[in-house]
Amino acid sequence: MEYKFTDLVDISKIQELTNLFYKATGILTATLDLEGNILTASGWREICTKFHRANLKSRSRCIESDTHISKMLVDNKNYRIYKCQNGLIDAVAPVVVQGKHIANIFTGQLLLDKPDLGFFIKQAKEFGFNESEYVKVLLEVPVIEEERLKHIMCYLCSFAEILGEMGLKELKLLESQAEVYAANEDLEASQKMLIATLEELRDQYDKLQQKENLTRENEKRWKYAIEGTDQIVWDWNIENNQVYFSKAYKSLLGFEANEFIGDTKEYLNRIHPDDRKGVMEEMTKYLNGNIIFYHNEYRIKDRDGNYKWIVSKGQITERNHEDKPIRIVGTLTDITTNSQKP
C-alpha cells in the first residue's frame, strides 16, 4: 500500500517545531510534498508571501523551482542549495522513509550576496508589482554566508532524518494494522463461508436423508410387490454396468439371483446367438429415444443348457443432469409354454 508523508507524521506537530525553531534562530523553513504542496511554513518573508506566492505567474515559478530541485535529490543523504526562478536562494533536504523519497524540508528566501536591484526591478515590472513596496521587502531579505547556510542545512538534514525515522515507525505500525485488518477480514470471510457451507451441507444432508428414507420405503413396497408374482424383476445401473435380478430368477434359469449380479456381458452371453444382435439393437433404440417403450422377445439359456423364450420389458427410471439414462428397471416373463416359436 502507498502512503503519503501526511499519513506518516503529525503535520501539526512539525509546524509547532518549525515555528519554535524560527523564533529561536530566525531561520525559516517549509515542508513540501513531491508535488510542491506546502505542508508547513514558518517565518516566510513578505517578498514571497505578498509578491512571489501571491501572483499567479510568479507562483508557478516557485512551484516549478521547488519540484525541479526535489528531482535533483538523487542521493537521499544530500541537500541542495539553488537559486529559485524568482531570484532568491533556497536550500532543500530530502525526507526519506524506507529508502523512498516522500517529502522535502526547505529553507531559504535569502541571498548569498547583495541583491541585484536591476534584476528585481525588471521582475517587478514583468509581474506588475508595486516597485517601491517590492524593493522595500527585498531589502529585508537576509544576506548570509554560504558556509553558515551549509551548517543550517546539516541541521535540517538531521531533522529530516528524524522525520524519516518517525515516518518509518508509523509506516510499520500502519502496515501491521493493515495486516491485522486483512487477517481479520480473511477470518471473517472464512467464518461466513464455513457457516454457509455448514448450512448448505446440513440442508443437503437433510434432503439426502429424506431421499434415502423415501427410497427405503419404495424399495420395501417394491420387494413386497415383486415377491408375490412369478415375474423376474431386473435393475440395470447403466453407469457402472451392474445388473440386479430378483429371486424369481432361480425358478426360470435354475440360478441363484446373486449368481447374476454382474455386468451385462454375463447376461448377453446366455442369450441365443440368433437373438443377441436384435436384443442389443432394440435396447439401443430405446436408450436413444427412438422408441417409447422397451419390449423384446428372445431366447435365453438356462443352467442346463436349454433355451427358454422370455418377454423382456423395461423403462428408464433415472437420468443424469444431462438427461441421459442412467438406470432402467424392467421385468422378464417366461413365455416358453405359450410361445409358438421353435
C-alpha atoms as a PDB file:
ATOM      1  CA  MET A   1       0.000   0.000   0.000  1.00  0.00           C
ATOM      2  CA  GLU A   2       1.265   3.507  -0.894  1.00  0.00           C
ATOM      3  CA  TYR A   3       1.423   6.075   1.909  1.00  0.00           C
ATOM      4  CA  LYS A   4       1.852   9.832   1.708  1.00  0.00           C
ATOM      5  CA  PHE A   5       4.034  11.863   4.049  1.00  0.00           C
ATOM      6  CA  THR A   6       0.892  13.249   5.681  1.00  0.00           C
ATOM      7  CA  ASP A   7      -0.162   9.667   6.539  1.00  0.00           C
ATOM      8  CA  LEU A   8       3.064   9.010   8.414  1.00  0.00           C
ATOM      9  CA  VAL A   9       3.671  12.126  10.520  1.00  0.00           C
ATOM     10  CA  ASP A  10       1.654  14.613  12.527  1.00  0.00           C
ATOM     11  CA  ILE A  11       1.907  17.750  10.383  1.00  0.00           C
ATOM     12  CA  SER A  12       0.620  19.979  13.197  1.00  0.00           C
ATOM     13  CA  LYS A  13       3.466  18.819  15.462  1.00  0.00           C
ATOM     14  CA  ILE A  14       6.039  19.545  12.761  1.00  0.00           C
ATOM     15  CA  GLN A  15       4.522  23.004  12.338  1.00  0.00           C
ATOM     16  CA  GLU A  16       4.923  23.649  16.079  1.00  0.00           C
ATOM     17  CA  LEU A  17       8.576  22.546  15.998  1.00  0.00           C
ATOM     18  CA  THR A  18       9.471  24.663  12.971  1.00  0.00           C
ATOM     19  CA  ASN A  19       7.704  27.697  14.484  1.00  0.00           C
ATOM     20  CA  LEU A  20       9.830  27.338  17.636  1.00  0.00           C
ATOM     21  CA  PHE A  21      12.947  26.866  15.514  1.00  0.00           C
ATOM     22  CA  TYR A  22      12.219  30.095  13.639  1.00  0.00           C
ATOM     23  CA  LYS A  23      11.634  32.048  16.849  1.00  0.00           C
ATOM     24  CA  ALA A  24      14.911  30.769  18.302  1.00  0.00           C
ATOM     25  CA  THR A  25      17.130  31.170  15.219  1.00  0.00           C
ATOM     26  CA  GLY A  26      15.339  33.380  12.710  1.00  0.00           C
ATOM     27  CA  ILE A  27      15.740  30.559  10.158  1.00  0.00           C
ATOM     28  CA  LEU A  28      12.568  29.999   8.168  1.00  0.00           C
ATOM     29  CA  THR A  29      11.533  26.536   6.992  1.00  0.00           C
ATOM     30  CA  ALA A  30       8.887  24.868   4.883  1.00  0.00           C
ATOM     31  CA  THR A  31       7.858  21.254   4.342  1.00  0.00           C
ATOM     32  CA  LEU A  32       6.596  20.331   0.878  1.00  0.00           C
ATOM     33  CA  ASP A  33       5.444  17.082  -0.677  1.00  0.00           C
ATOM     34  CA  LEU A  34       6.864  15.946  -4.006  1.00  0.00           C
ATOM     35  CA  GLU A  35       4.063  17.685  -5.921  1.00  0.00           C
ATOM     36  CA  GLY A  36       5.088  21.038  -4.462  1.00  0.00           C
ATOM     37  CA  ASN A  37       2.214  21.327  -1.988  1.00  0.00           C
ATOM     38  CA  ILE A  38       3.159  23.312   1.129  1.00  0.00           C
ATOM     39  CA  LEU A  39       2.549  21.252   4.277  1.00  0.00           C
ATOM     40  CA  THR A  40       4.218  23.537   6.853  1.00  0.00           C
ATOM     41  CA  ALA A  41       5.613  27.072   6.666  1.00  0.00           C
ATOM     42  CA  SER A  42       7.386  29.076   9.385  1.00  0.00           C
ATOM     43  CA  GLY A  43       8.794  32.628   9.186  1.00  0.00           C
ATOM     44  CA  TRP A  44       8.296  33.255   5.480  1.00  0.00           C
ATOM     45  CA  ARG A  45       9.491  36.564   4.037  1.00  0.00           C
ATOM     46  CA  GLU A  46       6.998  39.106   2.789  1.00  0.00           C
ATOM     47  CA  ILE A  47       8.709  39.140  -0.609  1.00  0.00           C
ATOM     48  CA  CYS A  48       7.335  35.619  -1.042  1.00  0.00           C
ATOM     49  CA  THR A  49       4.016  35.807   0.830  1.00  0.00           C
ATOM     50  CA  LYS A  50       2.951  39.216  -0.569  1.00  0.00           C
ATOM     51  CA  PHE A  51       4.544  39.041  -4.013  1.00  0.00           C
ATOM     52  CA  HIS A  52       6.073  35.835  -5.378  1.00  0.00           C
ATOM     53  CA  ARG A  53       3.433  33.459  -3.980  1.00  0.00           C
ATOM     54  CA  ALA A  54       0.554  35.921  -4.409  1.00  0.00           C
ATOM     55  CA  ASN A  55       0.958  36.359  -8.174  1.00  0.00           C
ATOM     56  CA  LEU A  56      -0.195  33.542 -10.453  1.00  0.00           C
ATOM     57  CA  LYS A  57       2.794  33.699 -12.840  1.00  0.00           C
ATOM     58  CA  SER A  58       5.483  34.166 -10.211  1.00  0.00           C
ATOM     59  CA  ARG A  59       3.886  31.475  -8.015  1.00  0.00           C
ATOM     60  CA  SER A  60       4.123  28.995 -10.886  1.00  0.00           C
ATOM     61  CA  ARG A  61       7.871  29.761 -10.976  1.00  0.00           C
ATOM     62  CA  CYS A  62       8.092  28.987  -7.259  1.00  0.00           C
ATOM     63  CA  ILE A  63       6.371  25.635  -7.713  1.00  0.00           C
ATOM     64  CA  GLU A  64       8.498  24.776 -10.752  1.00  0.00           C
ATOM     65  CA  SER A  65      11.651  25.591  -8.798  1.00  0.00           C
ATOM     66  CA  ASP A  66      10.576  23.511  -5.786  1.00  0.00           C
ATOM     67  CA  THR A  67       9.607  20.453  -7.824  1.00  0.00           C
ATOM     68  CA  HIS A  68      12.684  20.720 -10.058  1.00  0.00           C
ATOM     69  CA  ILE A  69      15.125  20.777  -7.163  1.00  0.00           C
ATOM     70  CA  SER A  70      13.392  17.828  -5.487  1.00  0.00           C
ATOM     71  CA  LYS A  71      14.068  15.767  -8.618  1.00  0.00           C
ATOM     72  CA  MET A  72      17.763  16.638  -8.328  1.00  0.00           C
ATOM     73  CA  LEU A  73      17.987  14.931  -4.926  1.00  0.00           C
ATOM     74  CA  VAL A  74      19.225  11.668  -6.388  1.00  0.00           C
ATOM     75  CA  ASP A  75      21.338  10.962  -3.337  1.00  0.00           C
ATOM     76  CA  ASN A  76      18.910  10.834  -0.422  1.00  0.00           C
ATOM     77  CA  LYS A  77      21.628  11.895   2.054  1.00  0.00           C
ATOM     78  CA  ASN A  78      22.490  15.111   0.229  1.00  0.00           C
ATOM     79  CA  TYR A  79      20.981  18.562   0.330  1.00  0.00           C
ATOM     80  CA  ARG A  80      20.894  21.083  -2.463  1.00  0.00           C
ATOM     81  CA  ILE A  81      21.380  24.877  -2.490  1.00  0.00           C
ATOM     82  CA  TYR A  82      19.942  26.622  -5.528  1.00  0.00           C
ATOM     83  CA  LYS A  83      18.605  29.914  -6.864  1.00  0.00           C
ATOM     84  CA  CYS A  84      14.880  29.904  -7.498  1.00  0.00           C
ATOM     85  CA  GLN A  85      13.452  31.334 -10.718  1.00  0.00           C
ATOM     86  CA  ASN A  86      12.394  34.473  -8.836  1.00  0.00           C
ATOM     87  CA  GLY A  87      15.996  35.268  -7.833  1.00  0.00           C
ATOM     88  CA  LEU A  88      16.228  34.128  -4.184  1.00  0.00           C
ATOM     89  CA  ILE A  89      18.421  31.420  -2.693  1.00  0.00           C
ATOM     90  CA  ASP A  90      16.735  28.279  -1.344  1.00  0.00           C
ATOM     91  CA  ALA A  91      18.048  25.008   0.030  1.00  0.00           C
ATOM     92  CA  VAL A  92      16.355  21.644   0.403  1.00  0.00           C
ATOM     93  CA  ALA A  93      16.908  18.377   2.270  1.00  0.00           C
ATOM     94  CA  PRO A  94      15.008  15.163   1.465  1.00  0.00           C
ATOM     95  CA  VAL A  95      12.783  13.224   3.855  1.00  0.00           C
ATOM     96  CA  VAL A  96      13.273   9.516   3.186  1.00  0.00           C
ATOM     97  CA  VAL A  97      11.218   6.640   4.586  1.00  0.00           C
ATOM     98  CA  GLN A  98      12.438   3.088   3.981  1.00  0.00           C
ATOM     99  CA  GLY A  99      14.540   4.232   1.036  1.00  0.00           C
ATOM    100  CA  LYS A 100      11.709   6.160  -0.564  1.00  0.00           C
ATOM    101  CA  HIS A 101      11.869   9.937  -1.043  1.00  0.00           C
ATOM    102  CA  ILE A 102       8.467  11.252   0.097  1.00  0.00           C
ATOM    103  CA  ALA A 103       8.904  14.940   1.076  1.00  0.00           C
ATOM    104  CA  ASN A 104      11.360  17.838   1.329  1.00  0.00           C
ATOM    105  CA  ILE A 105      12.339  20.348   4.010  1.00  0.00           C
ATOM    106  CA  PHE A 106      13.210  23.778   2.626  1.00  0.00           C
ATOM    107  CA  THR A 107      14.866  26.849   3.993  1.00  0.00           C
ATOM    108  CA  GLY A 108      15.818  29.963   2.102  1.00  0.00           C
ATOM    109  CA  GLN A 109      14.139  33.141   0.834  1.00  0.00           C
ATOM    110  CA  LEU A 110      17.576  34.638   1.399  1.00  0.00           C
ATOM    111  CA  LEU A 111      20.589  35.872  -0.544  1.00  0.00           C
ATOM    112  CA  LEU A 112      24.283  34.984  -0.519  1.00  0.00           C
ATOM    113  CA  ASP A 113      25.275  38.405  -1.937  1.00  0.00           C
ATOM    114  CA  LYS A 114      23.789  41.883  -2.070  1.00  0.00           C
ATOM    115  CA  PRO A 115      20.656  41.889  -4.274  1.00  0.00           C
ATOM    116  CA  ASP A 116      20.860  42.770  -7.962  1.00  0.00           C
ATOM    117  CA  LEU A 117      18.346  45.644  -7.903  1.00  0.00           C
ATOM    118  CA  GLY A 118      18.194  45.796 -11.685  1.00  0.00           C
ATOM    119  CA  PHE A 119      17.045  42.164 -11.886  1.00  0.00           C
ATOM    120  CA  PHE A 120      14.360  42.539  -9.230  1.00  0.00           C
ATOM    121  CA  ILE A 121      13.025  45.897 -10.565  1.00  0.00           C
ATOM    122  CA  LYS A 122      12.707  44.323 -14.012  1.00  0.00           C
ATOM    123  CA  GLN A 123      10.887  41.393 -12.407  1.00  0.00           C
ATOM    124  CA  ALA A 124       8.526  43.759 -10.577  1.00  0.00           C
ATOM    125  CA  LYS A 125       7.567  45.345 -13.900  1.00  0.00           C
ATOM    126  CA  GLU A 126       7.114  41.929 -15.521  1.00  0.00           C
ATOM    127  CA  PHE A 127       4.639  40.789 -12.887  1.00  0.00           C
ATOM    128  CA  GLY A 128       3.029  44.165 -12.217  1.00  0.00           C
ATOM    129  CA  PHE A 129       4.339  44.512  -8.666  1.00  0.00           C
ATOM    130  CA  ASN A 130       4.436  47.857  -6.832  1.00  0.00           C
ATOM    131  CA  GLU A 131       8.125  48.624  -7.335  1.00  0.00           C
ATOM    132  CA  SER A 132       8.738  50.631  -4.179  1.00  0.00           C
ATOM    133  CA  GLU A 133       6.958  48.075  -1.957  1.00  0.00           C
ATOM    134  CA  TYR A 134       8.726  45.228  -3.728  1.00  0.00           C
ATOM    135  CA  VAL A 135      12.186  46.810  -3.301  1.00  0.00           C
ATOM    136  CA  LYS A 136      11.385  47.548   0.347  1.00  0.00           C
ATOM    137  CA  VAL A 137      10.664  43.900   1.207  1.00  0.00           C
ATOM    138  CA  LEU A 138      13.604  42.818  -0.976  1.00  0.00           C
ATOM    139  CA  LEU A 139      15.979  44.814   1.219  1.00  0.00           C
ATOM    140  CA  GLU A 140      14.582  42.945   4.256  1.00  0.00           C
ATOM    141  CA  VAL A 141      15.784  39.627   2.809  1.00  0.00           C
ATOM    142  CA  PRO A 142      18.817  38.482   4.858  1.00  0.00           C
ATOM    143  CA  VAL A 143      22.201  38.059   3.210  1.00  0.00           C
ATOM    144  CA  ILE A 144      24.197  35.253   4.824  1.00  0.00           C
ATOM    145  CA  GLU A 145      27.457  33.493   4.137  1.00  0.00           C
ATOM    146  CA  GLU A 146      27.255  30.244   2.212  1.00  0.00           C
ATOM    147  CA  GLU A 147      29.210  28.434   4.944  1.00  0.00           C
ATOM    148  CA  ARG A 148      26.566  29.339   7.513  1.00  0.00           C
ATOM    149  CA  LEU A 149      23.841  28.107   5.149  1.00  0.00           C
ATOM    150  CA  LYS A 150      25.661  24.785   4.898  1.00  0.00           C
ATOM    151  CA  HIS A 151      25.641  24.440   8.688  1.00  0.00           C
ATOM    152  CA  ILE A 152      21.924  25.200   8.711  1.00  0.00           C
ATOM    153  CA  MET A 153      21.385  22.517   6.086  1.00  0.00           C
ATOM    154  CA  CYS A 154      23.340  19.973   8.118  1.00  0.00           C
ATOM    155  CA  TYR A 155      20.902  20.604  10.935  1.00  0.00           C
ATOM    156  CA  LEU A 156      17.879  20.348   8.625  1.00  0.00           C
ATOM    157  CA  CYS A 157      19.246  17.102   7.182  1.00  0.00           C
ATOM    158  CA  SER A 158      19.366  15.676  10.698  1.00  0.00           C
ATOM    159  CA  PHE A 159      15.840  16.948  11.292  1.00  0.00           C
ATOM    160  CA  ALA A 160      14.728  15.317   8.028  1.00  0.00           C
ATOM    161  CA  GLU A 161      16.351  12.055   9.142  1.00  0.00           C
ATOM    162  CA  ILE A 162      14.417  12.185  12.417  1.00  0.00           C
ATOM    163  CA  LEU A 163      11.198  12.764  10.479  1.00  0.00           C
ATOM    164  CA  GLY A 164      12.095   9.781   8.293  1.00  0.00           C
ATOM    165  CA  GLU A 165      12.578   7.579  11.352  1.00  0.00           C
ATOM    166  CA  MET A 166       9.259   8.770  12.772  1.00  0.00           C
ATOM    167  CA  GLY A 167       7.640   8.046   9.434  1.00  0.00           C
ATOM    168  CA  LEU A 168       9.198   4.579   9.314  1.00  0.00           C
ATOM    169  CA  LYS A 169       7.807   3.698  12.739  1.00  0.00           C
ATOM    170  CA  GLU A 170       4.380   4.924  11.708  1.00  0.00           C
ATOM    171  CA  LEU A 171       4.675   3.056   8.409  1.00  0.00           C
ATOM    172  CA  LYS A 172       5.441  -0.212  10.187  1.00  0.00           C
ATOM    173  CA  LEU A 173       2.533   0.415  12.540  1.00  0.00           C
ATOM    174  CA  LEU A 174       0.181   1.092   9.630  1.00  0.00           C
ATOM    175  CA  GLU A 175       1.422  -1.985   7.785  1.00  0.00           C
ATOM    176  CA  SER A 176       0.927  -4.114  10.902  1.00  0.00           C
ATOM    177  CA  GLN A 177      -2.559  -2.712  11.336  1.00  0.00           C
ATOM    178  CA  ALA A 178      -3.281  -3.375   7.666  1.00  0.00           C
ATOM    179  CA  GLU A 179      -2.069  -6.964   8.043  1.00  0.00           C
ATOM    180  CA  VAL A 180      -4.209  -7.468  11.143  1.00  0.00           C
ATOM    181  CA  TYR A 181      -7.194  -5.902   9.397  1.00  0.00           C
ATOM    182  CA  ALA A 182      -6.664  -8.079   6.322  1.00  0.00           C
ATOM    183  CA  ALA A 183      -6.254 -11.170   8.502  1.00  0.00           C
ATOM    184  CA  ASN A 184      -9.456 -10.308  10.369  1.00  0.00           C
ATOM    185  CA  GLU A 185     -11.274  -9.795   7.091  1.00  0.00           C
ATOM    186  CA  ASP A 186      -9.993 -13.148   5.811  1.00  0.00           C
ATOM    187  CA  LEU A 187     -11.017 -14.788   9.073  1.00  0.00           C
ATOM    188  CA  GLU A 188     -14.484 -13.246   8.943  1.00  0.00           C
ATOM    189  CA  ALA A 189     -14.845 -14.272   5.309  1.00  0.00           C
ATOM    190  CA  SER A 190     -13.709 -17.802   6.164  1.00  0.00           C
ATOM    191  CA  GLN A 191     -16.140 -17.961   9.079  1.00  0.00           C
ATOM    192  CA  LYS A 192     -19.001 -16.767   6.892  1.00  0.00           C
ATOM    193  CA  MET A 193     -18.029 -19.254   4.200  1.00  0.00           C
ATOM    194  CA  LEU A 194     -17.770 -22.032   6.776  1.00  0.00           C
ATOM    195  CA  ILE A 195     -21.164 -21.179   8.257  1.00  0.00           C
ATOM    196  CA  ALA A 196     -22.703 -21.035   4.787  1.00  0.00           C
ATOM    197  CA  THR A 197     -21.038 -24.334   3.882  1.00  0.00           C
ATOM    198  CA  LEU A 198     -22.234 -25.992   7.084  1.00  0.00           C
ATOM    199  CA  GLU A 199     -25.762 -24.745   6.490  1.00  0.00           C
ATOM    200  CA  GLU A 200     -25.630 -25.958   2.907  1.00  0.00           C
ATOM    201  CA  LEU A 201     -24.237 -29.334   3.987  1.00  0.00           C
ATOM    202  CA  ARG A 202     -26.899 -29.607   6.681  1.00  0.00           C
ATOM    203  CA  ASP A 203     -29.585 -28.820   4.133  1.00  0.00           C
ATOM    204  CA  GLN A 204     -28.120 -31.312   1.662  1.00  0.00           C
ATOM    205  CA  TYR A 205     -27.847 -33.932   4.409  1.00  0.00           C
ATOM    206  CA  ASP A 206     -31.474 -33.427   5.418  1.00  0.00           C
ATOM    207  CA  LYS A 207     -32.585 -33.730   1.800  1.00  0.00           C
ATOM    208  CA  LEU A 208     -30.414 -36.814   1.332  1.00  0.00           C
ATOM    209  CA  GLN A 209     -31.858 -38.390   4.466  1.00  0.00           C
ATOM    210  CA  GLN A 210     -35.373 -37.688   3.227  1.00  0.00           C
ATOM    211  CA  LYS A 211     -34.495 -39.153  -0.153  1.00  0.00           C
ATOM    212  CA  GLU A 212     -32.893 -42.234   1.423  1.00  0.00           C
ATOM    213  CA  ASN A 213     -35.880 -42.764   3.698  1.00  0.00           C
ATOM    214  CA  LEU A 214     -38.220 -42.459   0.741  1.00  0.00           C
ATOM    215  CA  THR A 215     -36.029 -44.835  -1.270  1.00  0.00           C
ATOM    216  CA  ARG A 216     -36.083 -47.419   1.536  1.00  0.00           C
ATOM    217  CA  GLU A 217     -39.849 -47.218   1.758  1.00  0.00           C
ATOM    218  CA  ASN A 218     -40.195 -47.558  -2.002  1.00  0.00           C
ATOM    219  CA  GLU A 219     -37.781 -50.487  -2.051  1.00  0.00           C
ATOM    220  CA  LYS A 220     -39.799 -52.234   0.652  1.00  0.00           C
ATOM    221  CA  ARG A 221     -43.013 -51.740  -1.301  1.00  0.00           C
ATOM    222  CA  TRP A 222     -41.277 -52.833  -4.498  1.00  0.00           C
ATOM    223  CA  LYS A 223     -39.923 -56.037  -2.891  1.00  0.00           C
ATOM    224  CA  TYR A 224     -43.295 -56.894  -1.396  1.00  0.00           C
ATOM    225  CA  ALA A 225     -44.894 -56.371  -4.781  1.00  0.00           C
ATOM    226  CA  ILE A 226     -42.491 -58.494  -6.837  1.00  0.00           C
ATOM    227  CA  GLU A 227     -42.208 -61.349  -4.338  1.00  0.00           C
ATOM    228  CA  GLY A 228     -45.870 -62.072  -4.873  1.00  0.00           C
ATOM    229  CA  THR A 229     -45.514 -62.589  -8.636  1.00  0.00           C
ATOM    230  CA  ASP A 230     -43.811 -65.077 -10.914  1.00  0.00           C
ATOM    231  CA  GLN A 231     -42.186 -62.303 -12.883  1.00  0.00           C
ATOM    232  CA  ILE A 232     -38.487 -61.605 -12.654  1.00  0.00           C
ATOM    233  CA  VAL A 233     -37.508 -58.007 -11.963  1.00  0.00           C
ATOM    234  CA  TRP A 234     -34.208 -56.704 -13.325  1.00  0.00           C
ATOM    235  CA  ASP A 235     -32.490 -53.450 -12.429  1.00  0.00           C
ATOM    236  CA  TRP A 236     -29.684 -52.174 -14.694  1.00  0.00           C
ATOM    237  CA  ASN A 237     -27.359 -49.431 -13.450  1.00  0.00           C
ATOM    238  CA  ILE A 238     -26.013 -48.089 -16.745  1.00  0.00           C
ATOM    239  CA  GLU A 239     -23.251 -46.000 -15.143  1.00  0.00           C
ATOM    240  CA  ASN A 240     -21.436 -48.983 -13.581  1.00  0.00           C
ATOM    241  CA  ASN A 241     -22.992 -51.593 -15.910  1.00  0.00           C
ATOM    242  CA  GLN A 242     -24.293 -53.700 -12.989  1.00  0.00           C
ATOM    243  CA  VAL A 243     -27.499 -55.751 -13.283  1.00  0.00           C
ATOM    244  CA  TYR A 244     -29.608 -56.999 -10.382  1.00  0.00           C
ATOM    245  CA  PHE A 245     -32.186 -59.816 -10.734  1.00  0.00           C
ATOM    246  CA  SER A 246     -34.940 -60.690  -8.258  1.00  0.00           C
ATOM    247  CA  LYS A 247     -35.139 -64.092  -6.506  1.00  0.00           C
ATOM    248  CA  ALA A 248     -37.570 -65.479  -9.097  1.00  0.00           C
ATOM    249  CA  TYR A 249     -34.644 -65.715 -11.485  1.00  0.00           C
ATOM    250  CA  LYS A 250     -33.746 -69.090  -9.922  1.00  0.00           C
ATOM    251  CA  SER A 251     -37.035 -70.641 -10.925  1.00  0.00           C
ATOM    252  CA  LEU A 252     -36.594 -69.509 -14.524  1.00  0.00           C
ATOM    253  CA  LEU A 253     -32.988 -70.478 -15.214  1.00  0.00           C
ATOM    254  CA  GLY A 254     -32.013 -72.529 -12.190  1.00  0.00           C
ATOM    255  CA  PHE A 255     -29.542 -69.950 -10.874  1.00  0.00           C
ATOM    256  CA  GLU A 256     -29.392 -68.144  -7.587  1.00  0.00           C
ATOM    257  CA  ALA A 257     -30.183 -64.474  -8.066  1.00  0.00           C
ATOM    258  CA  ASN A 258     -26.789 -63.384  -6.737  1.00  0.00           C
ATOM    259  CA  GLU A 259     -25.035 -65.515  -9.353  1.00  0.00           C
ATOM    260  CA  PHE A 260     -26.073 -62.956 -11.922  1.00  0.00           C
ATOM    261  CA  ILE A 261     -25.222 -59.754 -10.139  1.00  0.00           C
ATOM    262  CA  GLY A 262     -22.556 -58.660 -12.572  1.00  0.00           C
ATOM    263  CA  ASP A 263     -22.100 -56.792 -15.806  1.00  0.00           C
ATOM    264  CA  THR A 264     -24.413 -57.092 -18.787  1.00  0.00           C
ATOM    265  CA  LYS A 265     -21.850 -59.152 -20.708  1.00  0.00           C
ATOM    266  CA  GLU A 266     -22.632 -62.176 -18.499  1.00  0.00           C
ATOM    267  CA  TYR A 267     -26.299 -61.860 -19.299  1.00  0.00           C
ATOM    268  CA  LEU A 268     -25.804 -61.253 -23.041  1.00  0.00           C
ATOM    269  CA  ASN A 269     -23.666 -64.399 -23.329  1.00  0.00           C
ATOM    270  CA  ARG A 270     -26.689 -66.501 -22.281  1.00  0.00           C
ATOM    271  CA  ILE A 271     -28.932 -65.021 -24.989  1.00  0.00           C
ATOM    272  CA  HIS A 272     -29.339 -67.187 -28.086  1.00  0.00           C
ATOM    273  CA  PRO A 273     -26.747 -66.143 -30.724  1.00  0.00           C
ATOM    274  CA  ASP A 274     -29.509 -65.571 -33.289  1.00  0.00           C
ATOM    275  CA  ASP A 275     -31.343 -63.188 -30.940  1.00  0.00           C
ATOM    276  CA  ARG A 276     -28.407 -61.359 -29.378  1.00  0.00           C
ATOM    277  CA  LYS A 277     -27.963 -58.704 -32.080  1.00  0.00           C
ATOM    278  CA  GLY A 278     -31.669 -57.880 -32.094  1.00  0.00           C
ATOM    279  CA  VAL A 279     -31.734 -57.539 -28.296  1.00  0.00           C
ATOM    280  CA  MET A 280     -28.856 -55.061 -28.364  1.00  0.00           C
ATOM    281  CA  GLU A 281     -30.338 -53.066 -31.258  1.00  0.00           C
ATOM    282  CA  GLU A 282     -33.725 -52.808 -29.551  1.00  0.00           C
ATOM    283  CA  MET A 283     -32.156 -51.598 -26.301  1.00  0.00           C
ATOM    284  CA  THR A 284     -30.046 -49.028 -28.190  1.00  0.00           C
ATOM    285  CA  LYS A 285     -33.161 -47.682 -29.932  1.00  0.00           C
ATOM    286  CA  TYR A 286     -34.892 -47.287 -26.588  1.00  0.00           C
ATOM    287  CA  LEU A 287     -31.933 -45.577 -24.903  1.00  0.00           C
ATOM    288  CA  ASN A 288     -31.620 -43.171 -27.849  1.00  0.00           C
ATOM    289  CA  GLY A 289     -35.294 -42.271 -27.618  1.00  0.00           C
ATOM    290  CA  ASN A 290     -36.254 -43.828 -30.963  1.00  0.00           C
ATOM    291  CA  ILE A 291     -38.985 -45.932 -29.334  1.00  0.00           C
ATOM    292  CA  ILE A 292     -41.194 -45.082 -26.369  1.00  0.00           C
ATOM    293  CA  PHE A 293     -41.175 -48.463 -24.602  1.00  0.00           C
ATOM    294  CA  TYR A 294     -38.668 -51.270 -24.384  1.00  0.00           C
ATOM    295  CA  HIS A 295     -40.324 -54.602 -25.278  1.00  0.00           C
ATOM    296  CA  ASN A 296     -38.499 -57.612 -26.682  1.00  0.00           C
ATOM    297  CA  GLU A 297     -38.893 -61.391 -27.014  1.00  0.00           C
ATOM    298  CA  TYR A 298     -35.847 -63.645 -27.191  1.00  0.00           C
ATOM    299  CA  ARG A 299     -34.365 -66.946 -26.077  1.00  0.00           C
ATOM    300  CA  ILE A 300     -32.089 -67.362 -23.080  1.00  0.00           C
ATOM    301  CA  LYS A 301     -30.115 -70.413 -21.953  1.00  0.00           C
ATOM    302  CA  ASP A 302     -30.782 -71.911 -18.522  1.00  0.00           C
ATOM    303  CA  ARG A 303     -28.280 -73.636 -16.256  1.00  0.00           C
ATOM    304  CA  ASP A 304     -28.813 -76.997 -18.002  1.00  0.00           C
ATOM    305  CA  GLY A 305     -28.117 -75.517 -21.448  1.00  0.00           C
ATOM    306  CA  ASN A 306     -31.746 -75.404 -22.634  1.00  0.00           C
ATOM    307  CA  TYR A 307     -33.228 -72.253 -24.171  1.00  0.00           C
ATOM    308  CA  LYS A 308     -36.382 -70.624 -22.904  1.00  0.00           C
ATOM    309  CA  TRP A 309     -38.462 -67.921 -24.532  1.00  0.00           C
ATOM    310  CA  ILE A 310     -38.931 -64.786 -22.447  1.00  0.00           C
ATOM    311  CA  VAL A 311     -40.548 -61.380 -22.785  1.00  0.00           C
ATOM    312  CA  SER A 312     -38.365 -58.525 -21.505  1.00  0.00           C
ATOM    313  CA  LYS A 313     -39.904 -55.149 -20.728  1.00  0.00           C
ATOM    314  CA  GLY A 314     -38.210 -52.111 -19.241  1.00  0.00           C
ATOM    315  CA  GLN A 315     -38.469 -48.424 -18.543  1.00  0.00           C
ATOM    316  CA  ILE A 316     -35.960 -45.677 -17.781  1.00  0.00           C
ATOM    317  CA  THR A 317     -36.331 -44.683 -14.128  1.00  0.00           C
ATOM    318  CA  GLU A 318     -33.432 -42.290 -13.644  1.00  0.00           C
ATOM    319  CA  ARG A 319     -31.499 -39.753 -15.727  1.00  0.00           C
ATOM    320  CA  ASN A 320     -28.423 -37.632 -15.006  1.00  0.00           C
ATOM    321  CA  HIS A 321     -28.112 -33.827 -15.180  1.00  0.00           C
ATOM    322  CA  GLU A 322     -27.552 -34.117 -18.937  1.00  0.00           C
ATOM    323  CA  ASP A 323     -30.861 -36.005 -19.259  1.00  0.00           C
ATOM    324  CA  LYS A 324     -29.065 -39.204 -20.240  1.00  0.00           C
ATOM    325  CA  PRO A 325     -30.481 -42.531 -18.937  1.00  0.00           C
ATOM    326  CA  ILE A 326     -28.508 -43.978 -16.033  1.00  0.00           C
ATOM    327  CA  ARG A 327     -30.967 -46.598 -14.710  1.00  0.00           C
ATOM    328  CA  ILE A 328     -33.553 -48.936 -16.259  1.00  0.00           C
ATOM    329  CA  VAL A 329     -35.912 -51.241 -14.345  1.00  0.00           C
ATOM    330  CA  GLY A 330     -37.909 -53.962 -16.043  1.00  0.00           C
ATOM    331  CA  THR A 331     -39.349 -57.484 -15.933  1.00  0.00           C
ATOM    332  CA  LEU A 332     -38.694 -60.873 -17.506  1.00  0.00           C
ATOM    333  CA  THR A 333     -41.614 -63.241 -18.149  1.00  0.00           C
ATOM    334  CA  ASP A 334     -41.283 -66.889 -19.181  1.00  0.00           C
ATOM    335  CA  ILE A 335     -43.456 -67.498 -22.281  1.00  0.00           C
ATOM    336  CA  THR A 336     -41.879 -70.805 -23.310  1.00  0.00           C
ATOM    337  CA  THR A 337     -45.049 -72.855 -22.868  1.00  0.00           C
ATOM    338  CA  ASN A 338     -47.172 -70.265 -24.679  1.00  0.00           C
ATOM    339  CA  SER A 339     -44.722 -69.493 -27.459  1.00  0.00           C
ATOM    340  CA  GLN A 340     -45.248 -70.994 -30.864  1.00  0.00           C
ATOM    341  CA  LYS A 341     -41.662 -70.276 -31.761  1.00  0.00           C
ATOM    342  CA  PRO A 342     -39.443 -73.298 -32.459  1.00  0.00           C
END
